[in-house]
Amino acid sequence: RKEYVDLYVNYMFNKSVQKPFEDFMQGFLRGCPARNWKMFLPEELQVLLQGHTTFDWHLLEKNVMYGGYRKSDQTIRNFWTVFHKLPEEKKKMFLAFLTGSDRITGYGPEHFRFCITDTQEENPDDSSPYASTCQLILFLPR
């Protein structure tokens, strides 16, 4: 019985997926040559490819730059008060709105910066916040 179970497990986890895995590995190596990624530990490679999944939101606040605002402006204080009260999932949704991804790139949270800029609308009540995902700018009306 043990031999049967061992052979069955080997088939299910190794033999049955061998061809699809070889195809995947060939494509992966074409896009990311082994000499470039072998220097990383598996955990480092995962972060590099997938990004960081846990965040220090206060560090994010600390790294923000402001355009047309000061950190002490009421709009900014209100923004961060509301932001820090959000549940984790909503904070990640904000990150996806701002960057196009709910993760921070492999450089690390301490290097992640974005800018909150005043839209300078004549009537800010008529506009909504919007983001430039390529430039990491949140346009926030007053």
Protein backbone atom coordinates (compact mmCIF):
# COMPACT_ATOMS: atom_id res chain seq x y z
CA ARG A 1 0.00 0.00 0.00
CA LYS A 2 2.80 2.38 0.89
CA GLU A 3 4.50 1.81 -2.46
CA TYR A 4 1.19 2.39 -4.27
CA VAL A 5 0.60 5.66 -2.37
CA ASP A 6 4.18 6.80 -3.01
CA LEU A 7 3.89 6.05 -6.75
CA TYR A 8 0.47 7.75 -6.94
CA VAL A 9 1.72 10.88 -5.14
CA ASN A 10 4.81 10.97 -7.36
CA TYR A 11 2.62 10.71 -10.46
CA MET A 12 0.18 13.42 -9.33
CA PHE A 13 2.81 15.92 -8.18
CA ASN A 14 5.66 15.19 -10.60
CA LYS A 15 4.99 13.04 -13.67
CA SER A 16 1.53 14.37 -14.62
CA VAL A 17 2.70 18.00 -14.59
CA GLN A 18 6.18 17.45 -15.99
CA LYS A 19 5.45 18.58 -19.59
CA PRO A 20 3.41 21.70 -18.65
CA PHE A 21 6.05 22.65 -16.09
CA GLU A 22 8.87 22.25 -18.60
CA ASP A 23 6.96 24.50 -21.04
CA PHE A 24 6.42 27.07 -18.28
CA MET A 25 10.08 26.93 -17.22
CA GLN A 26 11.26 27.38 -20.83
CA GLY A 27 9.08 30.49 -21.18
CA PHE A 28 10.13 31.81 -17.78
CA LEU A 29 13.82 31.39 -18.58
CA ARG A 30 13.31 33.18 -21.90
CA GLY A 31 11.96 36.23 -20.05
CA CYS A 32 14.18 35.98 -16.99
CA PRO A 33 17.46 34.18 -17.71
CA ALA A 34 18.66 31.91 -14.90
CA ARG A 35 21.95 33.73 -14.46
CA ASN A 36 20.00 36.85 -13.44
CA TRP A 37 17.66 35.31 -10.90
CA LYS A 38 19.82 32.60 -9.34
CA MET A 39 21.47 35.25 -7.16
CA PHE A 40 18.19 35.70 -5.25
CA LEU A 41 16.90 33.58 -2.42
CA PRO A 42 13.43 32.15 -3.17
CA GLU A 43 11.78 34.65 -0.79
CA GLU A 44 13.58 37.57 -2.45
CA LEU A 45 12.60 36.38 -5.91
CA GLN A 46 8.97 36.11 -4.83
CA VAL A 47 8.99 39.71 -3.53
CA LEU A 48 10.74 40.89 -6.69
CA LEU A 49 8.16 39.26 -8.97
CA GLN A 50 5.02 39.76 -6.88
CA GLY A 51 5.78 42.82 -4.78
CA HIS A 52 5.30 43.34 -1.06
CA THR A 53 2.00 42.14 0.36
CA THR A 54 2.29 43.65 3.85
CA PHE A 55 2.61 47.35 4.46
CA ASP A 56 3.51 49.90 7.07
CA TRP A 57 0.84 52.49 6.26
CA HIS A 58 2.40 55.09 8.56
CA LEU A 59 5.67 54.78 6.64
CA LEU A 60 3.66 55.32 3.46
CA GLU A 61 2.24 58.53 4.96
CA LYS A 62 5.71 59.64 6.00
CA ASN A 63 7.11 59.20 2.46
CA VAL A 64 4.38 61.16 0.65
CA MET A 65 5.31 64.35 -1.18
CA TYR A 66 2.85 67.19 -1.60
CA GLY A 67 2.19 69.49 -4.53
CA GLY A 68 0.18 72.58 -3.69
CA TYR A 69 -0.40 71.23 -0.20
CA ARG A 70 1.45 71.22 3.09
CA LYS A 71 1.33 68.30 5.47
CA SER A 72 -0.47 70.53 7.96
CA ASP A 73 -3.33 71.51 5.58
CA GLN A 74 -6.78 70.45 6.76
CA THR A 75 -7.48 68.50 3.55
CA ILE A 76 -4.33 66.42 4.05
CA ARG A 77 -4.99 65.85 7.75
CA ASN A 78 -8.55 64.75 6.90
CA PHE A 79 -7.27 62.45 4.15
CA TRP A 80 -4.86 60.64 6.48
CA THR A 81 -7.38 60.46 9.32
CA VAL A 82 -9.89 58.74 7.04
CA PHE A 83 -7.23 56.58 5.38
CA HIS A 84 -5.90 55.15 8.66
CA LYS A 85 -9.45 54.26 9.76
CA LEU A 86 -10.02 52.17 6.63
CA PRO A 87 -9.83 48.38 6.89
CA GLU A 88 -6.77 46.71 5.36
CA GLU A 89 -8.65 45.61 2.24
CA LYS A 90 -9.81 49.18 1.47
CA LYS A 91 -6.27 50.49 1.93
CA LYS A 92 -5.08 47.96 -0.64
CA MET A 93 -7.90 49.08 -2.95
CA PHE A 94 -6.62 52.64 -2.61
CA LEU A 95 -3.13 51.43 -3.49
CA ALA A 96 -4.57 49.74 -6.59
CA PHE A 97 -6.38 52.99 -7.50
CA LEU A 98 -3.15 54.93 -7.14
CA THR A 99 -0.67 52.52 -8.73
CA GLY A 100 -2.66 49.93 -10.67
CA SER A 101 -1.58 47.21 -8.21
CA ASP A 102 -2.48 46.35 -4.65
CA ARG A 103 1.18 45.64 -3.92
CA ILE A 104 4.31 47.73 -3.56
CA THR A 105 7.15 46.95 -5.95
CA GLY A 106 10.16 44.89 -4.91
CA TYR A 107 12.23 47.95 -3.99
CA GLY A 108 10.48 47.97 -0.65
CA PRO A 109 7.99 50.11 1.22
CA GLU A 110 10.68 52.45 2.52
CA HIS A 111 11.45 53.52 -1.07
CA PHE A 112 7.85 53.80 -2.24
CA ARG A 113 6.79 57.42 -2.74
CA PHE A 114 3.80 59.09 -4.26
CA CYS A 115 2.57 62.65 -4.49
CA ILE A 116 -0.71 64.21 -3.40
CA THR A 117 -1.38 67.24 -5.57
CA ASP A 118 -4.01 69.96 -5.37
CA THR A 119 -6.23 69.93 -8.47
CA GLN A 120 -6.66 73.71 -8.12
CA GLU A 121 -10.27 73.49 -9.24
CA GLU A 122 -12.37 76.64 -9.02
CA ASN A 123 -15.14 74.62 -7.42
CA PRO A 124 -13.53 71.58 -5.75
CA ASP A 125 -16.96 70.19 -4.78
CA ASP A 126 -17.59 69.49 -8.47
CA SER A 127 -14.56 67.23 -8.92
CA SER A 128 -13.47 63.87 -7.57
CA PRO A 129 -10.02 62.59 -6.68
CA TYR A 130 -8.22 60.89 -9.55
CA ALA A 131 -4.81 59.33 -10.00
CA SER A 132 -2.00 59.20 -12.51
CA THR A 133 -0.86 55.61 -12.05
CA CYS A 134 2.26 56.02 -14.19
CA GLN A 135 3.54 59.00 -12.23
CA LEU A 136 2.13 57.95 -8.82
CA ILE A 137 0.20 61.17 -8.31
CA LEU A 138 -3.07 61.45 -6.44
CA PHE A 139 -4.97 64.56 -7.55
CA LEU A 140 -7.00 65.56 -4.53
CA PRO A 141 -9.38 68.53 -4.62
CA ARG A 142 -9.52 70.68 -1.51
